[in-house]
C-alpha atoms as a PDB file:
ATOM      1  CA  UNK A   1       0.000   0.000   0.000  1.00  0.00           C
ATOM      2  CA  UNK A   2       0.950   3.635  -0.436  1.00  0.00           C
ATOM      3  CA  UNK A   3       1.956   4.117   3.188  1.00  0.00           C
ATOM      4  CA  UNK A   4       4.605   1.374   2.994  1.00  0.00           C
ATOM      5  CA  UNK A   5       6.446   2.646  -0.089  1.00  0.00           C
ATOM      6  CA  UNK A   6      10.119   3.540   0.391  1.00  0.00           C
ATOM      7  CA  UNK A   7      10.796   6.896  -1.256  1.00  0.00           C
ATOM      8  CA  UNK A   8      14.272   7.603  -2.603  1.00  0.00           C
ATOM      9  CA  UNK A   9      15.955  10.089  -4.942  1.00  0.00           C
ATOM     10  CA  UNK A  10      16.526   7.425  -7.566  1.00  0.00           C
ATOM     11  CA  UNK A  11      12.840   7.611  -8.518  1.00  0.00           C
ATOM     12  CA  UNK A  12      13.685  10.879 -10.324  1.00  0.00           C
ATOM     13  CA  UNK A  13      16.370   9.238 -12.439  1.00  0.00           C
ATOM     14  CA  UNK A  14      14.628   6.289 -14.068  1.00  0.00           C
ATOM     15  CA  UNK A  15      15.094   6.619 -17.809  1.00  0.00           C
ATOM     16  CA  UNK A  16      11.906   7.268 -19.758  1.00  0.00           C
ATOM     17  CA  UNK A  17       9.722   7.705 -16.690  1.00  0.00           C
ATOM     18  CA  UNK A  18       8.538  10.655 -14.668  1.00  0.00           C
ATOM     19  CA  UNK A  19       8.681  10.559 -10.873  1.00  0.00           C
ATOM     20  CA  UNK A  20       4.961   9.807 -10.672  1.00  0.00           C
ATOM     21  CA  UNK A  21       5.204   7.023 -13.268  1.00  0.00           C
ATOM     22  CA  UNK A  22       8.088   5.434 -11.348  1.00  0.00           C
ATOM     23  CA  UNK A  23       6.103   5.771  -8.137  1.00  0.00           C
ATOM     24  CA  UNK A  24       3.030   4.202  -9.775  1.00  0.00           C
ATOM     25  CA  UNK A  25       5.106   1.116 -10.612  1.00  0.00           C
ATOM     26  CA  UNK A  26       5.436   0.620  -6.858  1.00  0.00           C
ATOM     27  CA  UNK A  27       1.908   1.716  -6.005  1.00  0.00           C
ATOM     28  CA  UNK A  28      -0.495   1.060  -8.885  1.00  0.00           C
ATOM     29  CA  UNK A  29      -3.619   3.210  -9.220  1.00  0.00           C
ATOM     30  CA  UNK A  30      -5.866   0.215  -9.884  1.00  0.00           C
ATOM     31  CA  UNK A  31      -5.287  -1.008  -6.323  1.00  0.00           C
ATOM     32  CA  UNK A  32      -7.532   1.800  -5.079  1.00  0.00           C
ATOM     33  CA  UNK A  33     -10.590   1.284  -7.256  1.00  0.00           C
ATOM     34  CA  UNK A  34     -13.728   1.667  -5.154  1.00  0.00           C
ATOM     35  CA  UNK A  35     -11.877   3.191  -2.187  1.00  0.00           C
ATOM     36  CA  UNK A  36     -11.741   6.745  -0.866  1.00  0.00           C
ATOM     37  CA  UNK A  37      -8.343   7.098  -2.564  1.00  0.00           C
ATOM     38  CA  UNK A  38      -9.719   6.393  -6.032  1.00  0.00           C
ATOM     39  CA  UNK A  39      -8.967   9.379  -8.269  1.00  0.00           C
ATOM     40  CA  UNK A  40      -5.674  10.227  -6.569  1.00  0.00           C
ATOM     41  CA  UNK A  41      -2.460   9.436  -8.408  1.00  0.00           C
ATOM     42  CA  UNK A  42       0.608   7.897  -6.754  1.00  0.00           C
ATOM     43  CA  UNK A  43       2.111  11.283  -5.864  1.00  0.00           C
ATOM     44  CA  UNK A  44      -1.137  12.584  -4.362  1.00  0.00           C
ATOM     45  CA  UNK A  45      -1.416   9.458  -2.232  1.00  0.00           C
ATOM     46  CA  UNK A  46       2.039  10.202  -0.831  1.00  0.00           C
ATOM     47  CA  UNK A  47       0.930  13.724   0.069  1.00  0.00           C
ATOM     48  CA  UNK A  48      -1.938  12.148   1.995  1.00  0.00           C
ATOM     49  CA  UNK A  49       0.445   9.693   3.629  1.00  0.00           C
ATOM     50  CA  UNK A  50       2.553  12.507   5.078  1.00  0.00           C
ATOM     51  CA  UNK A  51      -0.477  14.750   5.684  1.00  0.00           C
ATOM     52  CA  UNK A  52       0.853  17.542   3.458  1.00  0.00           C
ATOM     53  CA  UNK A  53      -1.891  19.981   2.408  1.00  0.00           C
ATOM     54  CA  UNK A  54      -0.751  21.938  -0.641  1.00  0.00           C
ATOM     55  CA  UNK A  55      -3.813  24.134  -1.225  1.00  0.00           C
ATOM     56  CA  UNK A  56      -6.661  25.874   0.520  1.00  0.00           C
ATOM     57  CA  UNK A  57      -6.902  28.120   3.569  1.00  0.00           C
ATOM     58  CA  UNK A  58      -5.258  25.476   5.772  1.00  0.00           C
ATOM     59  CA  UNK A  59      -2.388  24.648   3.450  1.00  0.00           C
ATOM     60  CA  UNK A  60       0.841  23.673   5.167  1.00  0.00           C
ATOM     61  CA  UNK A  61       4.123  25.550   5.098  1.00  0.00           C
ATOM     62  CA  UNK A  62       6.990  24.607   2.823  1.00  0.00           C
ATOM     63  CA  UNK A  63       8.914  23.122   5.744  1.00  0.00           C
ATOM     64  CA  UNK A  64       6.266  20.387   6.115  1.00  0.00           C
ATOM     65  CA  UNK A  65       7.894  18.573   3.195  1.00  0.00           C
ATOM     66  CA  UNK A  66      11.140  18.386   5.162  1.00  0.00           C
ATOM     67  CA  UNK A  67       9.826  16.833   8.376  1.00  0.00           C
ATOM     68  CA  UNK A  68      11.236  13.477   7.268  1.00  0.00           C
ATOM     69  CA  UNK A  69      13.852  12.373   4.762  1.00  0.00           C
ATOM     70  CA  UNK A  70      11.176  10.495   2.805  1.00  0.00           C
ATOM     71  CA  UNK A  71       8.657  13.322   2.582  1.00  0.00           C
ATOM     72  CA  UNK A  72      11.454  15.608   1.321  1.00  0.00           C
ATOM     73  CA  UNK A  73      11.644  13.366  -1.762  1.00  0.00           C
ATOM     74  CA  UNK A  74       8.204  14.697  -2.756  1.00  0.00           C
ATOM     75  CA  UNK A  75       9.175  18.386  -2.875  1.00  0.00           C
ATOM     76  CA  UNK A  76      10.719  18.500  -6.383  1.00  0.00           C
ATOM     77  CA  UNK A  77       7.599  16.881  -7.845  1.00  0.00           C
ATOM     78  CA  UNK A  78       5.406  19.450  -6.085  1.00  0.00           C
ATOM     79  CA  UNK A  79       7.557  22.208  -7.612  1.00  0.00           C
ATOM     80  CA  UNK A  80       7.450  20.598 -11.068  1.00  0.00           C
ATOM     81  CA  UNK A  81       3.677  20.250 -10.981  1.00  0.00           C
ATOM     82  CA  UNK A  82       3.210  23.893 -10.029  1.00  0.00           C
ATOM     83  CA  UNK A  83       5.487  25.011 -12.867  1.00  0.00           C
ATOM     84  CA  UNK A  84       3.641  22.743 -15.309  1.00  0.00           C
ATOM     85  CA  UNK A  85       0.254  24.019 -14.166  1.00  0.00           C
ATOM     86  CA  UNK A  86       1.411  27.593 -14.809  1.00  0.00           C
ATOM     87  CA  UNK A  87       2.788  26.655 -18.219  1.00  0.00           C
ATOM     88  CA  UNK A  88      -0.321  24.743 -19.262  1.00  0.00           C
ATOM     89  CA  UNK A  89      -2.609  27.589 -18.201  1.00  0.00           C
ATOM     90  CA  UNK A  90      -0.731  30.110 -20.358  1.00  0.00           C
ATOM     91  CA  UNK A  91       0.107  27.899 -23.341  1.00  0.00           C
ATOM     92  CA  UNK A  92      -1.350  28.425 -26.824  1.00  0.00           C
ATOM     93  CA  UNK A  93       0.081  25.119 -28.053  1.00  0.00           C
ATOM     94  CA  UNK A  94      -3.129  23.075 -27.586  1.00  0.00           C
ATOM     95  CA  UNK A  95      -4.858  25.377 -30.084  1.00  0.00           C
ATOM     96  CA  UNK A  96      -2.226  25.202 -32.825  1.00  0.00           C
ATOM     97  CA  UNK A  97      -0.359  21.871 -32.507  1.00  0.00           C
ATOM     98  CA  UNK A  98      -1.227  19.030 -34.891  1.00  0.00           C
ATOM     99  CA  UNK A  99       1.435  16.568 -33.690  1.00  0.00           C
ATOM    100  CA  UNK A 100       3.807  16.310 -30.737  1.00  0.00           C
ATOM    101  CA  UNK A 101       7.215  14.645 -31.034  1.00  0.00           C
ATOM    102  CA  UNK A 102       9.918  13.892 -28.460  1.00  0.00           C
ATOM    103  CA  UNK A 103      13.606  13.787 -29.312  1.00  0.00           C
ATOM    104  CA  UNK A 104      16.898  13.313 -27.483  1.00  0.00           C
ATOM    105  CA  UNK A 105      18.778  15.591 -29.888  1.00  0.00           C
ATOM    106  CA  UNK A 106      19.482  19.310 -29.859  1.00  0.00           C
ATOM    107  CA  UNK A 107      17.887  19.658 -33.289  1.00  0.00           C
ATOM    108  CA  UNK A 108      15.223  17.890 -35.281  1.00  0.00           C
ATOM    109  CA  UNK A 109      14.649  17.319 -38.981  1.00  0.00           C
ATOM    110  CA  UNK A 110      10.973  17.403 -39.824  1.00  0.00           C
ATOM    111  CA  UNK A 111       9.155  16.511 -43.023  1.00  0.00           C
ATOM    112  CA  UNK A 112       8.684  18.494 -46.225  1.00  0.00           C
ATOM    113  CA  UNK A 113       5.256  17.703 -47.681  1.00  0.00           C
ATOM    114  CA  UNK A 114       4.252  18.903 -51.136  1.00  0.00           C
ATOM    115  CA  UNK A 115       1.069  18.236 -53.078  1.00  0.00           C
ATOM    116  CA  UNK A 116       1.107  18.022 -56.888  1.00  0.00           C
ATOM    117  CA  UNK A 117      -1.754  17.738 -59.343  1.00  0.00           C
ATOM    118  CA  UNK A 118      -5.427  18.438 -58.749  1.00  0.00           C
ATOM    119  CA  UNK A 119      -8.181  16.743 -56.807  1.00  0.00           C
ATOM    120  CA  UNK A 120     -10.310  16.265 -59.915  1.00  0.00           C
ATOM    121  CA  UNK A 121     -11.488  12.838 -60.993  1.00  0.00           C
ATOM    122  CA  UNK A 122      -8.777  10.792 -62.691  1.00  0.00           C
ATOM    123  CA  UNK A 123      -9.421   9.321 -66.121  1.00  0.00           C
ATOM    124  CA  UNK A 124      -8.870   5.595 -66.666  1.00  0.00           C
ATOM    125  CA  UNK A 125      -5.179   4.887 -67.108  1.00  0.00           C
ATOM    126  CA  UNK A 126      -4.124   8.422 -66.100  1.00  0.00           C
ATOM    127  CA  UNK A 127      -1.504   9.070 -63.451  1.00  0.00           C
ATOM    128  CA  UNK A 128      -2.738   9.816 -59.941  1.00  0.00           C
ATOM    129  CA  UNK A 129      -1.822  13.136 -58.312  1.00  0.00           C
ATOM    130  CA  UNK A 130       1.125  12.858 -55.907  1.00  0.00           C
ATOM    131  CA  UNK A 131       1.727  13.954 -52.345  1.00  0.00           C
ATOM    132  CA  UNK A 132       5.479  13.925 -51.769  1.00  0.00           C
ATOM    133  CA  UNK A 133       6.944  13.351 -48.303  1.00  0.00           C
ATOM    134  CA  UNK A 134      10.645  14.068 -47.805  1.00  0.00           C
ATOM    135  CA  UNK A 135      12.975  15.033 -44.991  1.00  0.00           C
ATOM    136  CA  UNK A 136      13.177  18.793 -44.581  1.00  0.00           C
ATOM    137  CA  UNK A 137      16.296  20.393 -46.018  1.00  0.00           C
ATOM    138  CA  UNK A 138      17.161  22.047 -42.702  1.00  0.00           C
ATOM    139  CA  UNK A 139      16.858  20.891 -39.107  1.00  0.00           C
ATOM    140  CA  UNK A 140      15.062  23.045 -36.548  1.00  0.00           C
ATOM    141  CA  UNK A 141      16.722  23.844 -33.247  1.00  0.00           C
ATOM    142  CA  UNK A 142      15.279  22.419 -30.052  1.00  0.00           C
ATOM    143  CA  UNK A 143      15.844  25.423 -27.798  1.00  0.00           C
ATOM    144  CA  UNK A 144      15.877  25.714 -24.023  1.00  0.00           C
ATOM    145  CA  UNK A 145      13.490  28.081 -22.248  1.00  0.00           C
ATOM    146  CA  UNK A 146      13.578  28.594 -18.510  1.00  0.00           C
ATOM    147  CA  UNK A 147      13.864  30.796 -15.480  1.00  0.00           C
ATOM    148  CA  UNK A 148      15.306  30.607 -12.002  1.00  0.00           C
ATOM    149  CA  UNK A 149      13.807  31.712  -8.720  1.00  0.00           C
ATOM    150  CA  UNK A 150      16.321  32.988  -6.208  1.00  0.00           C
ATOM    151  CA  UNK A 151      14.907  31.726  -2.946  1.00  0.00           C
ATOM    152  CA  UNK A 152      17.021  30.206  -0.191  1.00  0.00           C
ATOM    153  CA  UNK A 153      15.350  27.666   2.053  1.00  0.00           C
ATOM    154  CA  UNK A 154      15.518  29.894   5.118  1.00  0.00           C
ATOM    155  CA  UNK A 155      13.362  32.450   3.284  1.00  0.00           C
ATOM    156  CA  UNK A 156      10.705  30.102   1.910  1.00  0.00           C
ATOM    157  CA  UNK A 157      10.471  27.487   4.675  1.00  0.00           C
ATOM    158  CA  UNK A 158       7.699  29.337   6.556  1.00  0.00           C
ATOM    159  CA  UNK A 159       5.680  30.290   3.473  1.00  0.00           C
ATOM    160  CA  UNK A 160       2.312  28.638   2.904  1.00  0.00           C
ATOM    161  CA  UNK A 161       2.383  26.101   0.089  1.00  0.00           C
ATOM    162  CA  UNK A 162      -0.585  27.692  -1.688  1.00  0.00           C
ATOM    163  CA  UNK A 163       1.257  31.038  -1.832  1.00  0.00           C
ATOM    164  CA  UNK A 164       4.483  29.385  -2.967  1.00  0.00           C
ATOM    165  CA  UNK A 165       2.470  27.550  -5.637  1.00  0.00           C
ATOM    166  CA  UNK A 166       1.158  30.891  -6.955  1.00  0.00           C
ATOM    167  CA  UNK A 167       4.750  32.112  -7.386  1.00  0.00           C
ATOM    168  CA  UNK A 168       5.804  28.919  -9.163  1.00  0.00           C
ATOM    169  CA  UNK A 169       2.758  28.959 -11.462  1.00  0.00           C
ATOM    170  CA  UNK A 170       3.552  32.547 -12.402  1.00  0.00           C
ATOM    171  CA  UNK A 171       7.097  31.516 -13.337  1.00  0.00           C
ATOM    172  CA  UNK A 172       5.664  28.652 -15.395  1.00  0.00           C
ATOM    173  CA  UNK A 173       3.413  31.107 -17.219  1.00  0.00           C
ATOM    174  CA  UNK A 174       6.415  33.299 -18.039  1.00  0.00           C
ATOM    175  CA  UNK A 175       8.189  30.334 -19.598  1.00  0.00           C
ATOM    176  CA  UNK A 176       5.080  29.549 -21.640  1.00  0.00           C
ATOM    177  CA  UNK A 177       4.912  33.119 -22.963  1.00  0.00           C
ATOM    178  CA  UNK A 178       8.405  32.675 -24.417  1.00  0.00           C
ATOM    179  CA  UNK A 179       7.479  29.293 -25.909  1.00  0.00           C
ATOM    180  CA  UNK A 180       4.276  30.770 -27.365  1.00  0.00           C
ATOM    181  CA  UNK A 181       6.249  33.512 -29.091  1.00  0.00           C
ATOM    182  CA  UNK A 182       8.650  30.948 -30.555  1.00  0.00           C
ATOM    183  CA  UNK A 183       5.710  28.965 -31.925  1.00  0.00           C
ATOM    184  CA  UNK A 184       4.161  32.110 -33.435  1.00  0.00           C
ATOM    185  CA  UNK A 185       7.484  33.007 -35.067  1.00  0.00           C
ATOM    186  CA  UNK A 186       7.792  29.530 -36.573  1.00  0.00           C
ATOM    187  CA  UNK A 187       4.283  29.789 -38.018  1.00  0.00           C
ATOM    188  CA  UNK A 188       4.791  33.332 -39.336  1.00  0.00           C
ATOM    189  CA  UNK A 189       8.111  32.671 -41.073  1.00  0.00           C
ATOM    190  CA  UNK A 190       7.634  32.207 -44.843  1.00  0.00           C
ATOM    191  CA  UNK A 191       3.837  31.969 -44.484  1.00  0.00           C
ATOM    192  CA  UNK A 192       1.580  33.243 -47.269  1.00  0.00           C
ATOM    193  CA  UNK A 193      -0.172  36.500 -46.387  1.00  0.00           C
ATOM    194  CA  UNK A 194      -3.064  38.757 -47.305  1.00  0.00           C
ATOM    195  CA  UNK A 195      -3.568  42.418 -46.407  1.00  0.00           C
ATOM    196  CA  UNK A 196      -6.609  44.237 -45.053  1.00  0.00           C
ATOM    197  CA  UNK A 197      -8.214  46.940 -47.178  1.00  0.00           C
ATOM    198  CA  UNK A 198      -7.653  49.584 -44.501  1.00  0.00           C
ATOM    199  CA  UNK A 199      -5.401  50.188 -41.482  1.00  0.00           C
ATOM    200  CA  UNK A 200      -8.046  48.809 -39.109  1.00  0.00           C
ATOM    201  CA  UNK A 201      -9.427  45.284 -39.255  1.00  0.00           C
ATOM    202  CA  UNK A 202     -13.093  44.783 -40.122  1.00  0.00           C
ATOM    203  CA  UNK A 203     -15.394  41.820 -39.702  1.00  0.00           C
ATOM    204  CA  UNK A 204     -15.415  41.422 -43.478  1.00  0.00           C
ATOM    205  CA  UNK A 205     -11.585  41.159 -43.374  1.00  0.00           C
ATOM    206  CA  UNK A 206     -11.810  38.373 -40.826  1.00  0.00           C
ATOM    207  CA  UNK A 207     -14.460  36.444 -42.722  1.00  0.00           C
ATOM    208  CA  UNK A 208     -12.537  36.802 -45.990  1.00  0.00           C
ATOM    209  CA  UNK A 209      -9.332  35.697 -44.268  1.00  0.00           C
ATOM    210  CA  UNK A 210     -11.045  32.612 -42.889  1.00  0.00           C
ATOM    211  CA  UNK A 211     -12.382  31.738 -46.344  1.00  0.00           C
ATOM    212  CA  UNK A 212      -9.013  32.290 -48.042  1.00  0.00           C
ATOM    213  CA  UNK A 213      -7.370  29.145 -46.658  1.00  0.00           C
ATOM    214  CA  UNK A 214      -8.254  26.765 -49.461  1.00  0.00           C
ATOM    215  CA  UNK A 215      -7.526  23.112 -48.861  1.00  0.00           C
ATOM    216  CA  UNK A 216      -7.499  23.539 -45.076  1.00  0.00           C
ATOM    217  CA  UNK A 217      -9.943  24.583 -42.390  1.00  0.00           C
ATOM    218  CA  UNK A 218      -8.814  27.561 -40.305  1.00  0.00           C
ATOM    219  CA  UNK A 219      -9.549  26.592 -36.703  1.00  0.00           C
ATOM    220  CA  UNK A 220      -7.550  29.162 -34.722  1.00  0.00           C
ATOM    221  CA  UNK A 221      -6.181  32.645 -35.134  1.00  0.00           C
ATOM    222  CA  UNK A 222      -3.216  33.841 -33.043  1.00  0.00           C
ATOM    223  CA  UNK A 223      -3.408  37.554 -32.242  1.00  0.00           C
ATOM    224  CA  UNK A 224      -1.739  40.079 -29.956  1.00  0.00           C
ATOM    225  CA  UNK A 225      -3.807  41.485 -27.047  1.00  0.00           C
ATOM    226  CA  UNK A 226      -4.268  44.789 -28.909  1.00  0.00           C
ATOM    227  CA  UNK A 227      -5.329  43.057 -32.146  1.00  0.00           C
ATOM    228  CA  UNK A 228      -7.747  40.888 -30.173  1.00  0.00           C
ATOM    229  CA  UNK A 229      -9.227  43.952 -28.462  1.00  0.00           C
ATOM    230  CA  UNK A 230      -9.849  45.558 -31.854  1.00  0.00           C
ATOM    231  CA  UNK A 231     -11.637  42.443 -33.072  1.00  0.00           C
ATOM    232  CA  UNK A 232     -13.762  42.172 -29.934  1.00  0.00           C
ATOM    233  CA  UNK A 233     -14.812  45.808 -30.349  1.00  0.00           C
ATOM    234  CA  UNK A 234     -16.497  44.993 -33.673  1.00  0.00           C
ATOM    235  CA  UNK A 235     -20.312  45.007 -33.499  1.00  0.00           C
ATOM    236  CA  UNK A 236     -20.472  41.556 -35.062  1.00  0.00           C
ATOM    237  CA  UNK A 237     -18.466  40.116 -32.157  1.00  0.00           C
ATOM    238  CA  UNK A 238     -20.703  41.308 -29.331  1.00  0.00           C
ATOM    239  CA  UNK A 239     -22.453  37.962 -28.990  1.00  0.00           C
ATOM    240  CA  UNK A 240     -19.384  35.769 -29.429  1.00  0.00           C
ATOM    241  CA  UNK A 241     -18.658  33.020 -26.937  1.00  0.00           C
ATOM    242  CA  UNK A 242     -15.430  32.056 -25.219  1.00  0.00           C
ATOM    243  CA  UNK A 243     -13.239  32.289 -22.165  1.00  0.00           C
ATOM    244  CA  UNK A 244     -11.762  35.775 -21.971  1.00  0.00           C
ATOM    245  CA  UNK A 245     -10.122  34.878 -18.672  1.00  0.00           C
ATOM    246  CA  UNK A 246      -7.913  32.444 -20.584  1.00  0.00           C
ATOM    247  CA  UNK A 247      -7.585  34.646 -23.655  1.00  0.00           C
ATOM    248  CA  UNK A 248      -9.702  32.504 -26.005  1.00  0.00           C
ATOM    249  CA  UNK A 249     -12.862  33.610 -27.830  1.00  0.00           C
ATOM    250  CA  UNK A 250     -14.801  31.785 -30.548  1.00  0.00           C
ATOM    251  CA  UNK A 251     -15.899  33.872 -33.527  1.00  0.00           C
ATOM    252  CA  UNK A 252     -19.373  33.498 -35.067  1.00  0.00           C
ATOM    253  CA  UNK A 253     -17.811  31.468 -37.897  1.00  0.00           C
ATOM    254  CA  UNK A 254     -16.124  29.011 -35.520  1.00  0.00           C
ATOM    255  CA  UNK A 255     -12.502  30.191 -35.441  1.00  0.00           C
ATOM    256  CA  UNK A 256     -10.955  30.497 -31.989  1.00  0.00           C
ATOM    257  CA  UNK A 257      -9.174  33.792 -31.347  1.00  0.00           C
ATOM    258  CA  UNK A 258      -6.181  32.973 -29.155  1.00  0.00           C
ATOM    259  CA  UNK A 259      -4.267  35.736 -27.392  1.00  0.00           C
ATOM    260  CA  UNK A 260      -0.483  35.525 -27.774  1.00  0.00           C
ATOM    261  CA  UNK A 261       1.084  38.298 -25.739  1.00  0.00           C
ATOM    262  CA  UNK A 262       4.412  38.686 -27.517  1.00  0.00           C
ATOM    263  CA  UNK A 263       3.064  38.989 -31.059  1.00  0.00           C
ATOM    264  CA  UNK A 264       3.129  42.137 -33.171  1.00  0.00           C
ATOM    265  CA  UNK A 265      -0.051  44.223 -33.298  1.00  0.00           C
ATOM    266  CA  UNK A 266       0.238  44.390 -37.099  1.00  0.00           C
ATOM    267  CA  UNK A 267      -0.870  40.894 -38.068  1.00  0.00           C
ATOM    268  CA  UNK A 268      -2.830  37.776 -37.139  1.00  0.00           C
ATOM    269  CA  UNK A 269      -1.844  34.178 -37.869  1.00  0.00           C
ATOM    270  CA  UNK A 270      -4.531  31.779 -39.088  1.00  0.00           C
ATOM    271  CA  UNK A 271      -3.906  28.093 -38.435  1.00  0.00           C
ATOM    272  CA  UNK A 272      -5.462  24.758 -39.236  1.00  0.00           C
ATOM    273  CA  UNK A 273      -4.660  23.092 -35.928  1.00  0.00           C
ATOM    274  CA  UNK A 274      -5.055  19.658 -37.454  1.00  0.00           C
ATOM    275  CA  UNK A 275      -2.231  19.980 -39.968  1.00  0.00           C
ATOM    276  CA  UNK A 276      -0.095  23.081 -39.413  1.00  0.00           C
ATOM    277  CA  UNK A 277       2.459  22.665 -36.640  1.00  0.00           C
ATOM    278  CA  UNK A 278       4.613  19.928 -35.141  1.00  0.00           C
ATOM    279  CA  UNK A 279       5.805  20.674 -31.624  1.00  0.00           C
ATOM    280  CA  UNK A 280       9.080  18.936 -30.768  1.00  0.00           C
ATOM    281  CA  UNK A 281      10.078  18.483 -27.119  1.00  0.00           C
ATOM    282  CA  UNK A 282      13.672  17.765 -26.224  1.00  0.00           C
ATOM    283  CA  UNK A 283      12.757  17.470 -22.557  1.00  0.00           C
ATOM    284  CA  UNK A 284       9.891  17.788 -20.148  1.00  0.00           C
ATOM    285  CA  UNK A 285      10.205  20.368 -17.378  1.00  0.00           C
ATOM    286  CA  UNK A 286      13.626  19.917 -15.784  1.00  0.00           C
ATOM    287  CA  UNK A 287      14.046  20.691 -12.070  1.00  0.00           C
ATOM    288  CA  UNK A 288      17.224  20.227 -10.026  1.00  0.00           C
ATOM    289  CA  UNK A 289      15.792  17.606  -7.676  1.00  0.00           C
ATOM    290  CA  UNK A 290      18.967  17.001  -5.625  1.00  0.00           C
ATOM    291  CA  UNK A 291      19.156  20.564  -4.306  1.00  0.00           C
ATOM    292  CA  UNK A 292      15.455  20.662  -3.527  1.00  0.00           C
ATOM    293  CA  UNK A 293      15.500  17.373  -1.654  1.00  0.00           C
ATOM    294  CA  UNK A 294      18.477  18.382   0.480  1.00  0.00           C
ATOM    295  CA  UNK A 295      16.994  21.857   1.132  1.00  0.00           C
ATOM    296  CA  UNK A 296      20.392  23.327   0.163  1.00  0.00           C
ATOM    297  CA  UNK A 297      18.577  25.869  -1.981  1.00  0.00           C
ATOM    298  CA  UNK A 298      20.026  29.148  -3.219  1.00  0.00           C
ATOM    299  CA  UNK A 299      17.914  29.255  -6.349  1.00  0.00           C
ATOM    300  CA  UNK A 300      15.383  27.015  -8.064  1.00  0.00           C
ATOM    301  CA  UNK A 301      15.986  26.620 -11.793  1.00  0.00           C
ATOM    302  CA  UNK A 302      13.458  25.284 -14.289  1.00  0.00           C
ATOM    303  CA  UNK A 303      13.757  24.704 -18.020  1.00  0.00           C
ATOM    304  CA  UNK A 304      12.103  22.995 -20.938  1.00  0.00           C
ATOM    305  CA  UNK A 305      13.484  22.263 -24.418  1.00  0.00           C
ATOM    306  CA  UNK A 306      11.156  22.690 -27.391  1.00  0.00           C
ATOM    307  CA  UNK A 307      11.203  23.459 -31.106  1.00  0.00           C
ATOM    308  CA  UNK A 308       8.677  23.822 -33.910  1.00  0.00           C
ATOM    309  CA  UNK A 309       8.331  22.826 -37.539  1.00  0.00           C
ATOM    310  CA  UNK A 310       5.502  23.368 -40.012  1.00  0.00           C
ATOM    311  CA  UNK A 311       3.907  20.225 -41.432  1.00  0.00           C
ATOM    312  CA  UNK A 312       1.815  21.694 -44.270  1.00  0.00           C
ATOM    313  CA  UNK A 313       2.957  25.172 -45.255  1.00  0.00           C
ATOM    314  CA  UNK A 314      -0.462  26.052 -46.688  1.00  0.00           C
ATOM    315  CA  UNK A 315      -2.152  25.255 -43.358  1.00  0.00           C
ATOM    316  CA  UNK A 316      -0.862  28.621 -42.089  1.00  0.00           C
ATOM    317  CA  UNK A 317      -1.741  32.087 -43.368  1.00  0.00           C
ATOM    318  CA  UNK A 318      -1.082  35.621 -42.153  1.00  0.00           C
ATOM    319  CA  UNK A 319      -3.484  38.565 -42.145  1.00  0.00           C
ATOM    320  CA  UNK A 320      -1.531  41.833 -42.212  1.00  0.00           C
ATOM    321  CA  UNK A 321      -2.980  45.237 -41.429  1.00  0.00           C
ATOM    322  CA  UNK A 322      -2.602  47.724 -44.272  1.00  0.00           C
ATOM    323  CA  UNK A 323       0.260  50.105 -43.482  1.00  0.00           C
END
């Protein structure tokens, strides 16, 4: 059972497995079906074991993790989960990524896909149109994005875990903003573009832009906060639905407007999320677990390695404001 598991640092170093996955090998989730612990994963069961409350008005202090040598093993995973929650909450990748790939290299060679011929009916004996799949001529870099929090243990030990989690989630969001901008840049580079008729965007511009992506279905549009505000101010958008708190609004014609804070105010990027972008991860979130377990903390560093490559070039299009 979960309260008899021996926790050790080596659980963070099992190749191909996260800490929680390694822990689940020792304490399988299916053992708790029909019990009060059903729905908790292996890490959450360990929090319960050591009575560590990480959220709510009665959340414990950071030092609670360090009451025993075994409970200290859980602290890096708590930190990683907070960072990931912040990243996930701020990420635009779910709205624009068609495929996700993992690599051990520092660069990645994607695919170059070209379509020849037409989609018309083929006469008997005639040659079929060809879709060509080749390795891309150039590899894309898998770049590292990260931050560090300067926080010695003596400073943070008496802080409530829910407050510390807010700080970590904010740092995760900052990392995601940088990753979002890199994704937007990859989509924008060499993409076909159209220009609005005037210096300000109109609803007719948006509808025409959506209709201009022949051969693909535009599902999302990346925009800067200012560009998004201009769109939302249009009369035709007053009854649109969405989640403004998370920066996503659905237009009347079904395209999701997705706020991307680092983008230029001069253009929007239309994307077919089912065929436009491949997101390549060189690593998951990396946290220095040894320092965190020992509480010999002078700073907490986090990083993630990621790169981007376009799958179908014509699944991306740019709407530029007339200058």
